[in-house]
Amino acid sequence: MSDHQRTRKAALVLAGITGVQIAEAVGVGEDLVSHVLAGRRLHMPEALKVMGYVSASTGKTIDELWPERSEVDSTPAQAG
């Protein structure tokens, strides 16, 4: 588990929020919530809903909780 994942998990535990609650509140599947919390599939439109909900529920910004998101955005594309 990465440091980013640990940070997200700790924030959720402190806020008393489960993945099931996130999925129900946002209207997505638990599998997507799990992927987003693990730092995968971050550029899906539904993922932004999950990140927004977690951010609002924990009082932390999306950038604080998912700093790897900006790392992916700033990676140059591979030349084909």
N, C-alpha and C. Protein backbone atom coordinates (compact mmCIF):
# COMPACT_ATOMS: atom_id res chain seq x y z
N MET A 1 0.85 -1.18 0.00
CA MET A 1 0.00 0.00 0.00
C MET A 1 0.89 1.24 0.00
N SER A 2 0.59 2.17 -0.88
CA SER A 2 1.41 3.39 -0.98
C SER A 2 1.08 4.36 0.15
N ASP A 3 1.95 5.33 0.32
CA ASP A 3 1.71 6.38 1.32
C ASP A 3 0.43 7.14 1.00
N HIS A 4 0.17 7.37 -0.30
CA HIS A 4 -1.04 8.08 -0.69
C HIS A 4 -2.28 7.28 -0.29
N GLN A 5 -2.24 5.98 -0.48
CA GLN A 5 -3.37 5.14 -0.10
C GLN A 5 -3.57 5.15 1.41
N ARG A 6 -2.49 5.11 2.15
CA ARG A 6 -2.58 5.16 3.62
C ARG A 6 -3.21 6.48 4.08
N THR A 7 -2.82 7.57 3.44
CA THR A 7 -3.38 8.89 3.78
C THR A 7 -4.89 8.90 3.55
N ARG A 8 -5.31 8.37 2.40
CA ARG A 8 -6.75 8.33 2.09
C ARG A 8 -7.50 7.45 3.09
N LYS A 9 -6.94 6.28 3.37
CA LYS A 9 -7.59 5.36 4.30
C LYS A 9 -7.72 5.98 5.68
N ALA A 10 -6.65 6.62 6.16
CA ALA A 10 -6.69 7.25 7.48
C ALA A 10 -7.74 8.36 7.53
N ALA A 11 -7.82 9.16 6.47
CA ALA A 11 -8.81 10.24 6.43
C ALA A 11 -10.22 9.68 6.47
N LEU A 12 -10.46 8.58 5.76
CA LEU A 12 -11.79 7.97 5.76
C LEU A 12 -12.13 7.37 7.12
N VAL A 13 -11.16 6.72 7.74
CA VAL A 13 -11.39 6.13 9.06
C VAL A 13 -11.71 7.23 10.07
N LEU A 14 -10.94 8.32 10.04
CA LEU A 14 -11.20 9.43 10.96
C LEU A 14 -12.58 10.05 10.74
N ALA A 15 -13.03 10.07 9.48
CA ALA A 15 -14.34 10.63 9.16
C ALA A 15 -15.46 9.61 9.37
N GLY A 16 -15.10 8.35 9.58
CA GLY A 16 -16.11 7.30 9.79
C GLY A 16 -16.87 6.94 8.52
N ILE A 17 -16.19 6.96 7.40
CA ILE A 17 -16.83 6.71 6.11
C ILE A 17 -16.29 5.41 5.52
N THR A 18 -17.20 4.61 4.97
CA THR A 18 -16.80 3.36 4.33
C THR A 18 -16.94 3.47 2.81
N GLY A 19 -16.30 2.55 2.12
CA GLY A 19 -16.43 2.50 0.67
C GLY A 19 -17.86 2.28 0.22
N VAL A 20 -18.61 1.48 0.97
CA VAL A 20 -20.02 1.23 0.64
C VAL A 20 -20.81 2.53 0.73
N GLN A 21 -20.57 3.31 1.77
CA GLN A 21 -21.26 4.59 1.92
C GLN A 21 -20.92 5.54 0.78
N ILE A 22 -19.66 5.56 0.38
CA ILE A 22 -19.25 6.42 -0.73
C ILE A 22 -19.98 6.00 -2.00
N ALA A 23 -19.98 4.70 -2.28
CA ALA A 23 -20.62 4.18 -3.49
C ALA A 23 -22.11 4.54 -3.52
N GLU A 24 -22.79 4.37 -2.41
CA GLU A 24 -24.22 4.68 -2.34
C GLU A 24 -24.46 6.17 -2.50
N ALA A 25 -23.65 6.99 -1.85
CA ALA A 25 -23.85 8.44 -1.90
C ALA A 25 -23.61 9.01 -3.29
N VAL A 26 -22.62 8.44 -3.99
CA VAL A 26 -22.22 8.97 -5.29
C VAL A 26 -22.97 8.29 -6.43
N GLY A 27 -23.48 7.08 -6.17
CA GLY A 27 -24.21 6.36 -7.20
C GLY A 27 -23.31 5.59 -8.16
N VAL A 28 -22.22 5.04 -7.62
CA VAL A 28 -21.32 4.22 -8.42
C VAL A 28 -21.13 2.88 -7.71
N GLY A 29 -20.47 1.96 -8.39
CA GLY A 29 -20.21 0.66 -7.80
C GLY A 29 -19.07 0.69 -6.79
N GLU A 30 -19.13 -0.25 -5.87
CA GLU A 30 -18.07 -0.35 -4.86
C GLU A 30 -16.72 -0.64 -5.50
N ASP A 31 -16.73 -1.35 -6.64
CA ASP A 31 -15.47 -1.66 -7.29
C ASP A 31 -14.78 -0.39 -7.79
N LEU A 32 -15.56 0.56 -8.32
CA LEU A 32 -14.96 1.82 -8.77
C LEU A 32 -14.40 2.59 -7.58
N VAL A 33 -15.14 2.62 -6.48
CA VAL A 33 -14.65 3.31 -5.28
C VAL A 33 -13.32 2.71 -4.84
N SER A 34 -13.25 1.39 -4.85
CA SER A 34 -12.02 0.71 -4.47
C SER A 34 -10.86 1.09 -5.38
N HIS A 35 -11.11 1.13 -6.68
CA HIS A 35 -10.07 1.51 -7.63
C HIS A 35 -9.60 2.95 -7.40
N VAL A 36 -10.54 3.85 -7.20
CA VAL A 36 -10.19 5.26 -6.99
C VAL A 36 -9.40 5.43 -5.70
N LEU A 37 -9.83 4.77 -4.64
CA LEU A 37 -9.10 4.86 -3.37
C LEU A 37 -7.70 4.28 -3.49
N ALA A 38 -7.53 3.32 -4.40
CA ALA A 38 -6.21 2.72 -4.64
C ALA A 38 -5.36 3.56 -5.59
N GLY A 39 -5.96 4.62 -6.15
CA GLY A 39 -5.20 5.50 -7.05
C GLY A 39 -5.26 5.08 -8.50
N ARG A 40 -6.25 4.27 -8.86
CA ARG A 40 -6.41 3.83 -10.25
C ARG A 40 -7.70 4.41 -10.82
N ARG A 41 -7.76 4.47 -12.14
CA ARG A 41 -8.94 4.96 -12.87
C ARG A 41 -9.33 6.38 -12.46
N LEU A 42 -8.35 7.20 -12.21
CA LEU A 42 -8.60 8.54 -11.69
C LEU A 42 -9.15 9.51 -12.72
N HIS A 43 -9.09 9.17 -13.98
CA HIS A 43 -9.54 10.12 -15.00
C HIS A 43 -10.92 9.79 -15.56
N MET A 44 -11.60 8.82 -14.95
CA MET A 44 -12.98 8.53 -15.34
C MET A 44 -13.88 9.63 -14.75
N PRO A 45 -14.92 10.03 -15.46
CA PRO A 45 -15.82 11.06 -14.91
C PRO A 45 -16.40 10.68 -13.55
N GLU A 46 -16.73 9.42 -13.38
CA GLU A 46 -17.31 8.97 -12.11
C GLU A 46 -16.28 9.04 -10.97
N ALA A 47 -15.01 8.89 -11.33
CA ALA A 47 -13.95 8.95 -10.32
C ALA A 47 -13.90 10.33 -9.68
N LEU A 48 -14.12 11.36 -10.47
CA LEU A 48 -14.11 12.72 -9.93
C LEU A 48 -15.23 12.90 -8.91
N LYS A 49 -16.37 12.25 -9.14
CA LYS A 49 -17.46 12.30 -8.15
C LYS A 49 -17.02 11.66 -6.83
N VAL A 50 -16.36 10.52 -6.95
CA VAL A 50 -15.87 9.83 -5.75
C VAL A 50 -14.86 10.71 -5.02
N MET A 51 -13.91 11.25 -5.76
CA MET A 51 -12.89 12.10 -5.14
C MET A 51 -13.51 13.33 -4.50
N GLY A 52 -14.49 13.92 -5.16
CA GLY A 52 -15.16 15.10 -4.60
C GLY A 52 -15.89 14.78 -3.31
N TYR A 53 -16.56 13.65 -3.30
CA TYR A 53 -17.29 13.24 -2.09
C TYR A 53 -16.32 12.99 -0.94
N VAL A 54 -15.25 12.26 -1.22
CA VAL A 54 -14.26 11.97 -0.18
C VAL A 54 -13.63 13.27 0.32
N SER A 55 -13.32 14.15 -0.59
CA SER A 55 -12.74 15.43 -0.22
C SER A 55 -13.67 16.22 0.70
N ALA A 56 -14.92 16.34 0.30
CA ALA A 56 -15.89 17.09 1.10
C ALA A 56 -16.13 16.43 2.46
N SER A 57 -16.11 15.11 2.49
CA SER A 57 -16.40 14.39 3.73
C SER A 57 -15.24 14.40 4.72
N THR A 58 -14.03 14.54 4.20
CA THR A 58 -12.85 14.50 5.09
C THR A 58 -12.26 15.87 5.37
N GLY A 59 -12.68 16.88 4.60
CA GLY A 59 -12.12 18.21 4.79
C GLY A 59 -10.75 18.38 4.17
N LYS A 60 -10.35 17.46 3.33
CA LYS A 60 -9.07 17.55 2.64
C LYS A 60 -9.32 17.77 1.16
N THR A 61 -8.39 18.43 0.49
CA THR A 61 -8.58 18.69 -0.93
C THR A 61 -8.28 17.44 -1.75
N ILE A 62 -8.79 17.42 -2.96
CA ILE A 62 -8.50 16.31 -3.87
C ILE A 62 -7.00 16.21 -4.09
N ASP A 63 -6.32 17.34 -4.24
CA ASP A 63 -4.87 17.32 -4.45
C ASP A 63 -4.12 16.76 -3.25
N GLU A 64 -4.63 16.99 -2.04
CA GLU A 64 -4.00 16.41 -0.86
C GLU A 64 -4.18 14.89 -0.82
N LEU A 65 -5.36 14.45 -1.19
CA LEU A 65 -5.68 13.03 -1.11
C LEU A 65 -5.17 12.22 -2.30
N TRP A 66 -5.10 12.85 -3.47
CA TRP A 66 -4.66 12.17 -4.69
C TRP A 66 -3.54 12.96 -5.37
N PRO A 67 -2.40 13.14 -4.71
CA PRO A 67 -1.32 13.90 -5.35
C PRO A 67 -0.78 13.20 -6.59
N GLU A 68 -0.94 11.90 -6.67
CA GLU A 68 -0.46 11.18 -7.85
C GLU A 68 -1.26 11.52 -9.09
N ARG A 69 -2.44 12.09 -8.92
CA ARG A 69 -3.27 12.50 -10.05
C ARG A 69 -2.56 13.56 -10.88
N SER A 70 -1.93 14.53 -10.24
CA SER A 70 -1.22 15.57 -10.97
C SER A 70 0.08 15.02 -11.56
N GLU A 71 0.66 14.01 -10.91
CA GLU A 71 1.86 13.39 -11.46
C GLU A 71 1.55 12.71 -12.79
N VAL A 72 0.39 12.09 -12.88
CA VAL A 72 -0.04 11.43 -14.12
C VAL A 72 -0.31 12.48 -15.18
N ASP A 73 -0.97 13.58 -14.79
CA ASP A 73 -1.31 14.64 -15.74
C ASP A 73 -0.07 15.30 -16.33
N SER A 74 1.01 15.36 -15.56
CA SER A 74 2.19 16.08 -16.03
C SER A 74 3.21 15.19 -16.73
N THR A 75 2.91 13.89 -16.84
CA THR A 75 3.82 12.97 -17.52
C THR A 75 3.73 13.19 -19.02
N PRO A 76 4.83 13.43 -19.70
CA PRO A 76 4.78 13.63 -21.16
C PRO A 76 4.34 12.36 -21.87
N ALA A 77 3.62 12.53 -22.95
CA ALA A 77 3.16 11.40 -23.74
C ALA A 77 4.36 10.74 -24.43
N GLN A 78 4.27 9.44 -24.55
CA GLN A 78 5.31 8.67 -25.24
C GLN A 78 5.18 8.87 -26.75
N ALA A 79 6.28 9.08 -27.42
CA ALA A 79 6.26 9.21 -28.87
C ALA A 79 6.08 7.82 -29.48
N GLY A 80 5.25 7.73 -30.51
CA GLY A 80 4.95 6.44 -31.11
C GLY A 80 5.82 6.14 -32.21
